[in-house]
Amino acid sequence: MAGELPFEMPLVEMRKKIAELKQFGEEKGIDFKDEVARLEERYHILENEVYSDISPAQKMHLARHHGRPTSLDLIGLIFTDFIELHGDRLYGDDLAVVGGIAKLNGQPVTVIGQQRGKDTKENILRFFGSAHPEGFRKSLRLMKQAEKFGRPIITFVDTKGAYPGNTAEERGQSEAIARNLYEMSQLAVPVICVIIGEGGSGGALAMAVGNRVLMLEHAIYSAISPNGAASILWKDASKAEQAAEAMKITASDLLEMEVIEEIIPEPKGGAHRDYEVTAEAIKDAIWRHLQEISVMDSAELKEDRYLKFRKIGEFSESVLEQDAAEEEVQIVE
């Protein structure tokens, strides 16, 4: 299978041996059924070992896999009657963000996603999924439209971060991201966000302020990309794997810290192995959470969203710190 990652090479070698043994048996007219069966049994054991203990660095590579389903792939499999809408009505149409009106199990919704390309040409056209200000403003325009007509909002997050070039800064990148953060927090309709690949920095968060944030099993989500963190900490972006190990970027880490509400399982080997199974799992999770929060009125939805993000980042003071503070007060007195 094309697109194997380095940690999957033992599986590739074993599949190759099995195929060679089958071919040799057919050519020579020798029955190797028992030998093939034993090899296939060993293969399944090895497969379980490889995929049951995937490191954060390996998950980073899975999240960035070129064959991973994009927002448009998933929109086509999960929703019906999708009509894409374009432009921010201020500057232009950013192809790094796609969105429009669709139906989920017959219910009208607004769906918005960050879109990477399938090849180099498309990636350049879509800025590798890194939005300019007009991309964030397009997404906000669609969200406000959804609020006006009472449609729930579904977002798919998949970006290394907002576009970092001069053109984006000239057009107000930081303001556009900040505006999305504020406006999403105040939306009066249900908002469900799904991290489907890489969720990096403010570019991800600008489309992830939801009542529920869900995450695919091998997706990653962080305040900065591992490459960016490595560049800052060690002045060496090639140490991204080392940074990934330390940053708590995996779905299991984020569920434990209550940053996300649910981990959506992927097919063995990653979402790129089976788009339809992945889409079905995402659809089921979105629908369940949508039913839960749709009973809330607008005030309850805003409060629910506020409380979700307010509880992130809890901390406690040590006894030593308290004692030191008390001593300092006594000295001052």
Protein backbone atom coordinates (compact mmCIF):
# COMPACT_ATOMS: atom_id res chain seq x y z
CA MET A 1 0.00 0.00 0.00
CA ALA A 2 1.34 3.42 -0.96
CA GLY A 3 2.24 6.05 1.56
CA GLU A 4 3.57 3.92 4.41
CA LEU A 5 5.40 5.76 7.14
CA PRO A 6 8.79 4.67 8.53
CA PHE A 7 7.31 2.98 11.61
CA GLU A 8 5.08 0.87 9.33
CA MET A 9 7.98 -0.62 7.33
CA PRO A 10 8.05 -3.96 9.28
CA LEU A 11 4.45 -4.48 8.13
CA VAL A 12 5.40 -3.60 4.56
CA GLU A 13 8.22 -6.16 4.58
CA MET A 14 5.97 -8.89 5.94
CA ARG A 15 3.25 -8.16 3.38
CA LYS A 16 5.92 -8.40 0.71
CA LYS A 17 7.06 -11.80 1.98
CA ILE A 18 3.50 -13.12 2.02
CA ALA A 19 2.90 -11.91 -1.55
CA GLU A 20 6.18 -13.43 -2.76
CA LEU A 21 5.37 -16.79 -1.15
CA LYS A 22 1.92 -16.86 -2.75
CA GLN A 23 3.35 -15.99 -6.16
CA PHE A 24 6.11 -18.59 -5.87
CA GLY A 25 3.55 -21.26 -4.94
CA GLU A 26 1.37 -20.40 -7.92
CA GLU A 27 4.31 -20.43 -10.33
CA LYS A 28 5.73 -23.75 -9.07
CA GLY A 29 2.42 -25.42 -8.34
CA ILE A 30 3.32 -25.92 -4.67
CA ASP A 31 0.77 -25.64 -1.88
CA PHE A 32 1.99 -23.11 0.71
CA LYS A 33 -1.39 -22.51 2.35
CA ASP A 34 -0.22 -23.48 5.84
CA GLU A 35 2.92 -21.35 5.59
CA VAL A 36 0.93 -18.39 4.27
CA ALA A 37 -1.62 -18.79 7.07
CA ARG A 38 1.14 -18.75 9.69
CA LEU A 39 2.71 -15.65 8.15
CA GLU A 40 -0.66 -13.88 8.00
CA GLU A 41 -1.26 -14.72 11.67
CA ARG A 42 2.15 -13.26 12.55
CA TYR A 43 1.30 -10.23 10.43
CA HIS A 44 -1.91 -9.53 12.36
CA ILE A 45 -0.06 -9.85 15.67
CA LEU A 46 2.64 -7.44 14.46
CA GLU A 47 -0.03 -5.07 13.11
CA ASN A 48 -1.72 -4.91 16.51
CA GLU A 49 1.64 -4.25 18.19
CA VAL A 50 2.57 -1.45 15.77
CA TYR A 51 -0.76 0.38 15.88
CA SER A 52 -1.53 -0.10 19.57
CA ASP A 53 1.45 1.97 20.72
CA ILE A 54 1.83 4.92 18.34
CA SER A 55 4.03 7.69 19.73
CA PRO A 56 3.11 11.41 19.54
CA ALA A 57 5.77 11.90 16.85
CA GLN A 58 4.29 9.06 14.80
CA LYS A 59 0.79 10.51 15.24
CA MET A 60 2.14 13.81 13.93
CA HIS A 61 3.18 12.07 10.71
CA LEU A 62 -0.18 10.29 10.47
CA ALA A 63 -2.01 13.60 10.94
CA ARG A 64 0.02 15.08 8.07
CA HIS A 65 -0.25 12.05 5.77
CA HIS A 66 -0.79 13.18 2.18
CA GLY A 67 -3.58 10.65 1.73
CA ARG A 68 -5.56 11.70 4.79
CA PRO A 69 -9.17 12.73 3.99
CA THR A 70 -9.63 16.47 3.58
CA SER A 71 -12.60 18.60 4.61
CA LEU A 72 -14.16 18.32 1.15
CA ASP A 73 -13.71 14.53 1.18
CA LEU A 74 -15.55 14.28 4.49
CA ILE A 75 -18.22 16.81 3.58
CA GLY A 76 -19.06 14.72 0.51
CA LEU A 77 -19.36 11.54 2.59
CA ILE A 78 -21.11 12.90 5.69
CA PHE A 79 -23.53 15.54 4.37
CA THR A 80 -26.05 15.75 1.58
CA ASP A 81 -27.15 18.64 -0.64
CA PHE A 82 -23.94 20.59 -0.01
CA ILE A 83 -23.87 24.01 -1.66
CA GLU A 84 -20.49 25.74 -1.41
CA LEU A 85 -20.51 29.48 -0.77
CA HIS A 86 -17.58 31.74 -1.64
CA GLY A 87 -15.97 35.01 -0.58
CA ASP A 88 -15.83 37.18 2.51
CA ARG A 89 -17.64 40.17 0.92
CA LEU A 90 -14.66 42.31 1.90
CA TYR A 91 -11.63 41.24 -0.11
CA GLY A 92 -11.84 37.91 -1.93
CA ASP A 93 -12.26 34.15 -1.78
CA ASP A 94 -9.64 32.18 0.15
CA LEU A 95 -9.49 28.61 -1.15
CA ALA A 96 -7.82 27.44 2.08
CA VAL A 97 -11.30 27.60 3.63
CA VAL A 98 -14.38 25.92 2.18
CA GLY A 99 -17.91 26.16 3.47
CA GLY A 100 -21.57 26.30 2.72
CA ILE A 101 -25.01 24.91 3.46
CA ALA A 102 -25.73 21.19 3.71
CA LYS A 103 -27.97 18.64 5.40
CA LEU A 104 -26.99 16.19 8.14
CA ASN A 105 -29.52 13.37 8.38
CA GLY A 106 -32.00 15.76 6.78
CA GLN A 107 -31.29 18.68 9.17
CA PRO A 108 -29.99 21.90 7.57
CA VAL A 109 -26.54 22.88 8.88
CA THR A 110 -23.68 25.15 7.94
CA VAL A 111 -20.41 23.29 7.44
CA ILE A 112 -17.00 24.97 7.19
CA GLY A 113 -13.58 23.39 6.83
CA GLN A 114 -9.93 24.17 6.27
CA GLN A 115 -8.88 22.59 3.00
CA ARG A 116 -5.47 21.26 1.99
CA GLY A 117 -4.64 20.17 -1.53
CA LYS A 118 -4.28 16.67 -2.91
CA ASP A 119 -1.14 17.47 -4.88
CA THR A 120 1.50 20.19 -5.09
CA LYS A 121 -0.45 22.32 -7.56
CA GLU A 122 -3.62 22.27 -5.45
CA ASN A 123 -1.67 22.82 -2.23
CA ILE A 124 -0.16 25.99 -3.68
CA LEU A 125 -3.63 27.13 -4.77
CA ARG A 126 -5.01 26.47 -1.27
CA PHE A 127 -1.92 27.72 0.59
CA PHE A 128 -1.48 24.24 2.12
CA GLY A 129 -4.63 24.84 4.19
CA SER A 130 -3.25 27.98 5.85
CA ALA A 131 -5.86 30.72 5.62
CA HIS A 132 -5.40 34.42 4.91
CA PRO A 133 -7.63 36.95 6.75
CA GLU A 134 -10.26 36.63 4.03
CA GLY A 135 -10.49 32.91 4.80
CA PHE A 136 -11.30 33.54 8.45
CA ARG A 137 -13.69 36.35 7.46
CA LYS A 138 -15.41 34.03 5.00
CA SER A 139 -15.89 31.45 7.74
CA LEU A 140 -17.27 34.12 10.09
CA ARG A 141 -19.65 35.38 7.41
CA LEU A 142 -21.03 31.87 7.03
CA MET A 143 -21.31 31.45 10.80
CA LYS A 144 -23.26 34.69 11.18
CA GLN A 145 -25.50 33.61 8.31
CA ALA A 146 -26.09 30.29 10.10
CA GLU A 147 -26.95 32.15 13.30
CA LYS A 148 -29.44 34.35 11.44
CA PHE A 149 -31.30 31.32 10.10
CA GLY A 150 -30.89 29.12 13.19
CA ARG A 151 -28.66 26.50 11.60
CA PRO A 152 -26.14 24.51 13.68
CA ILE A 153 -22.50 25.00 12.67
CA ILE A 154 -20.02 22.20 12.02
CA THR A 155 -16.34 23.02 11.45
CA PHE A 156 -13.48 20.79 10.31
CA VAL A 157 -10.04 21.91 11.48
CA ASP A 158 -6.97 20.89 9.49
CA THR A 159 -4.14 23.42 9.30
CA LYS A 160 -0.57 23.93 10.45
CA GLY A 161 -1.57 27.50 11.26
CA ALA A 162 -2.70 30.75 9.69
CA TYR A 163 -0.78 31.92 6.62
CA PRO A 164 2.40 33.63 7.93
CA GLY A 165 3.34 35.80 4.94
CA ASN A 166 3.39 39.57 4.45
CA THR A 167 0.18 39.55 2.41
CA ALA A 168 -1.76 38.11 5.33
CA GLU A 169 -0.28 40.56 7.82
CA GLU A 170 -1.04 43.49 5.53
CA ARG A 171 -4.69 42.49 5.40
CA GLY A 172 -5.08 42.12 9.18
CA GLN A 173 -4.36 38.49 10.05
CA SER A 174 -4.30 38.91 13.84
CA GLU A 175 -7.50 40.98 13.85
CA ALA A 176 -9.31 38.40 11.72
CA ILE A 177 -8.32 35.57 14.07
CA ALA A 178 -9.21 37.58 17.18
CA ARG A 179 -12.55 38.54 15.66
CA ASN A 180 -13.39 34.89 15.01
CA LEU A 181 -12.50 33.92 18.58
CA TYR A 182 -14.78 36.60 19.98
CA GLU A 183 -17.69 36.10 17.58
CA MET A 184 -17.66 32.30 17.84
CA SER A 185 -17.86 32.55 21.62
CA GLN A 186 -21.08 34.59 21.25
CA LEU A 187 -22.90 32.52 18.60
CA ALA A 188 -26.48 31.68 19.55
CA VAL A 189 -26.57 28.34 17.69
CA PRO A 190 -24.90 24.97 18.42
CA VAL A 191 -21.26 24.78 17.28
CA ILE A 192 -19.41 21.47 16.91
CA CYS A 193 -15.76 21.46 15.86
CA VAL A 194 -13.83 18.40 14.66
CA ILE A 195 -10.02 18.25 14.46
CA ILE A 196 -9.53 15.96 11.45
CA GLY A 197 -5.79 16.29 10.84
CA GLU A 198 -3.44 18.89 12.20
CA GLY A 199 -4.80 21.67 14.38
CA GLY A 200 -2.05 24.23 14.72
CA SER A 201 -1.90 27.59 16.50
CA GLY A 202 -4.42 30.43 16.17
CA GLY A 203 -5.27 29.31 12.65
CA ALA A 204 -6.92 26.24 14.15
CA LEU A 205 -8.43 27.91 17.20
CA ALA A 206 -10.06 30.58 15.04
CA MET A 207 -12.40 27.83 13.79
CA ALA A 208 -12.55 25.71 16.94
CA VAL A 209 -14.44 27.73 19.57
CA GLY A 210 -17.35 25.33 19.86
CA ASN A 211 -19.71 23.82 22.39
CA ARG A 212 -18.09 20.50 21.60
CA VAL A 213 -14.61 19.89 20.20
CA LEU A 214 -14.07 16.38 18.85
CA MET A 215 -10.86 14.90 17.53
CA LEU A 216 -9.90 12.02 15.27
CA GLU A 217 -7.78 9.40 17.00
CA HIS A 218 -4.54 10.23 15.19
CA ALA A 219 -5.07 13.98 14.77
CA ILE A 220 -2.96 16.51 16.67
CA TYR A 221 -3.90 19.85 18.23
CA SER A 222 -1.52 22.39 19.74
CA ALA A 223 -0.84 26.08 20.38
CA ILE A 224 2.05 25.93 17.92
CA SER A 225 3.15 23.34 15.37
CA PRO A 226 5.90 20.95 16.54
CA ASN A 227 8.14 22.42 13.83
CA GLY A 228 7.54 25.93 15.11
CA ALA A 229 8.16 24.89 18.69
CA ALA A 230 11.42 23.19 17.71
CA SER A 231 12.52 26.32 15.83
CA ILE A 232 11.96 28.43 18.95
CA LEU A 233 13.32 26.03 21.57
CA TRP A 234 16.30 24.56 19.72
CA LYS A 235 16.64 26.84 16.69
CA ASP A 236 16.20 23.68 14.63
CA ALA A 237 12.87 22.77 12.96
CA SER A 238 14.20 19.26 12.23
CA LYS A 239 13.67 18.47 15.93
CA ALA A 240 9.90 18.54 15.44
CA GLU A 241 9.56 14.92 16.56
CA GLN A 242 11.31 15.72 19.84
CA ALA A 243 8.97 18.68 20.34
CA ALA A 244 5.92 16.57 19.55
CA GLU A 245 6.84 14.13 22.32
CA ALA A 246 6.85 16.94 24.90
CA MET A 247 3.90 19.07 23.80
CA LYS A 248 0.87 16.90 24.75
CA ILE A 249 -0.63 17.20 21.28
CA THR A 250 -2.41 13.86 20.96
CA ALA A 251 -6.14 13.21 21.32
CA SER A 252 -5.65 11.14 24.48
CA ASP A 253 -3.61 13.94 26.11
CA LEU A 254 -6.20 16.57 25.21
CA LEU A 255 -9.14 14.45 26.36
CA GLU A 256 -7.42 13.99 29.72
CA MET A 257 -6.95 17.77 29.99
CA GLU A 258 -10.60 18.31 28.95
CA VAL A 259 -9.66 20.37 25.92
CA ILE A 260 -11.77 18.03 23.78
CA GLU A 261 -14.93 16.06 24.52
CA GLU A 262 -14.46 12.88 22.47
CA ILE A 263 -11.89 10.89 20.51
CA ILE A 264 -13.31 9.56 17.23
CA PRO A 265 -11.73 6.20 16.31
CA GLU A 266 -9.92 5.76 13.01
CA PRO A 267 -9.44 2.62 10.90
CA LYS A 268 -6.35 0.63 11.81
CA GLY A 269 -3.39 2.43 10.28
CA GLY A 270 -5.09 5.82 10.04
CA ALA A 271 -7.99 7.67 8.42
CA HIS A 272 -6.35 7.45 4.98
CA ARG A 273 -6.90 3.66 4.97
CA ASP A 274 -10.68 3.93 4.71
CA TYR A 275 -12.44 7.24 4.06
CA GLU A 276 -15.96 5.82 4.39
CA VAL A 277 -15.38 4.19 7.78
CA THR A 278 -13.75 7.39 9.04
CA ALA A 279 -16.60 9.55 7.74
CA GLU A 280 -19.23 7.28 9.31
CA ALA A 281 -17.52 7.50 12.70
CA ILE A 282 -17.35 11.31 12.45
CA LYS A 283 -20.97 11.54 11.36
CA ASP A 284 -22.14 9.41 14.29
CA ALA A 285 -20.17 11.51 16.81
CA ILE A 286 -21.38 14.85 15.38
CA TRP A 287 -25.00 13.72 15.36
CA ARG A 288 -24.90 12.45 18.96
CA HIS A 289 -23.41 15.67 20.30
CA LEU A 290 -25.72 17.79 18.16
CA GLN A 291 -28.75 16.06 19.69
CA GLU A 292 -27.39 16.75 23.18
CA ILE A 293 -26.83 20.48 22.74
CA SER A 294 -29.74 21.27 20.42
CA VAL A 295 -32.10 21.27 23.41
CA MET A 296 -30.30 24.35 24.82
CA ASP A 297 -31.58 27.84 24.12
CA SER A 298 -29.24 30.61 22.89
CA ALA A 299 -28.28 31.80 26.38
CA GLU A 300 -27.54 28.24 27.52
CA LEU A 301 -25.42 27.58 24.43
CA LYS A 302 -23.29 30.65 25.11
CA GLU A 303 -22.90 29.76 28.78
CA ASP A 304 -22.04 26.16 27.90
CA ARG A 305 -19.36 27.35 25.48
CA TYR A 306 -17.98 29.81 28.05
CA LEU A 307 -17.75 27.17 30.78
CA LYS A 308 -16.07 24.70 28.41
CA PHE A 309 -13.17 27.04 27.72
CA ARG A 310 -13.11 28.61 31.17
CA LYS A 311 -12.20 25.30 32.81
CA ILE A 312 -9.16 24.75 30.57
CA GLY A 313 -5.89 25.60 32.25
CA GLU A 314 -6.73 24.83 35.88
CA PHE A 315 -3.84 25.10 38.30
CA SER A 316 -3.11 24.69 41.99
CA GLU A 317 -0.66 26.38 44.33
CA SER A 318 1.81 24.33 46.34
CA VAL A 319 2.00 24.56 50.12
CA LEU A 320 5.53 25.97 49.84
CA GLU A 321 4.31 28.83 47.64
CA GLN A 322 1.52 29.62 50.11
CA ASP A 323 3.93 29.59 53.07
CA ALA A 324 6.32 31.89 51.21
CA ALA A 325 3.49 34.31 50.44
CA GLU A 326 2.39 34.34 54.08
CA GLU A 327 5.96 34.99 55.24
CA GLU A 328 6.25 37.87 52.78
CA VAL A 329 3.03 39.41 54.15
CA GLN A 330 4.35 39.13 57.72
CA ILE A 331 7.63 40.82 56.77
CA VAL A 332 5.78 43.67 55.11
CA GLU A 333 3.62 44.14 58.21
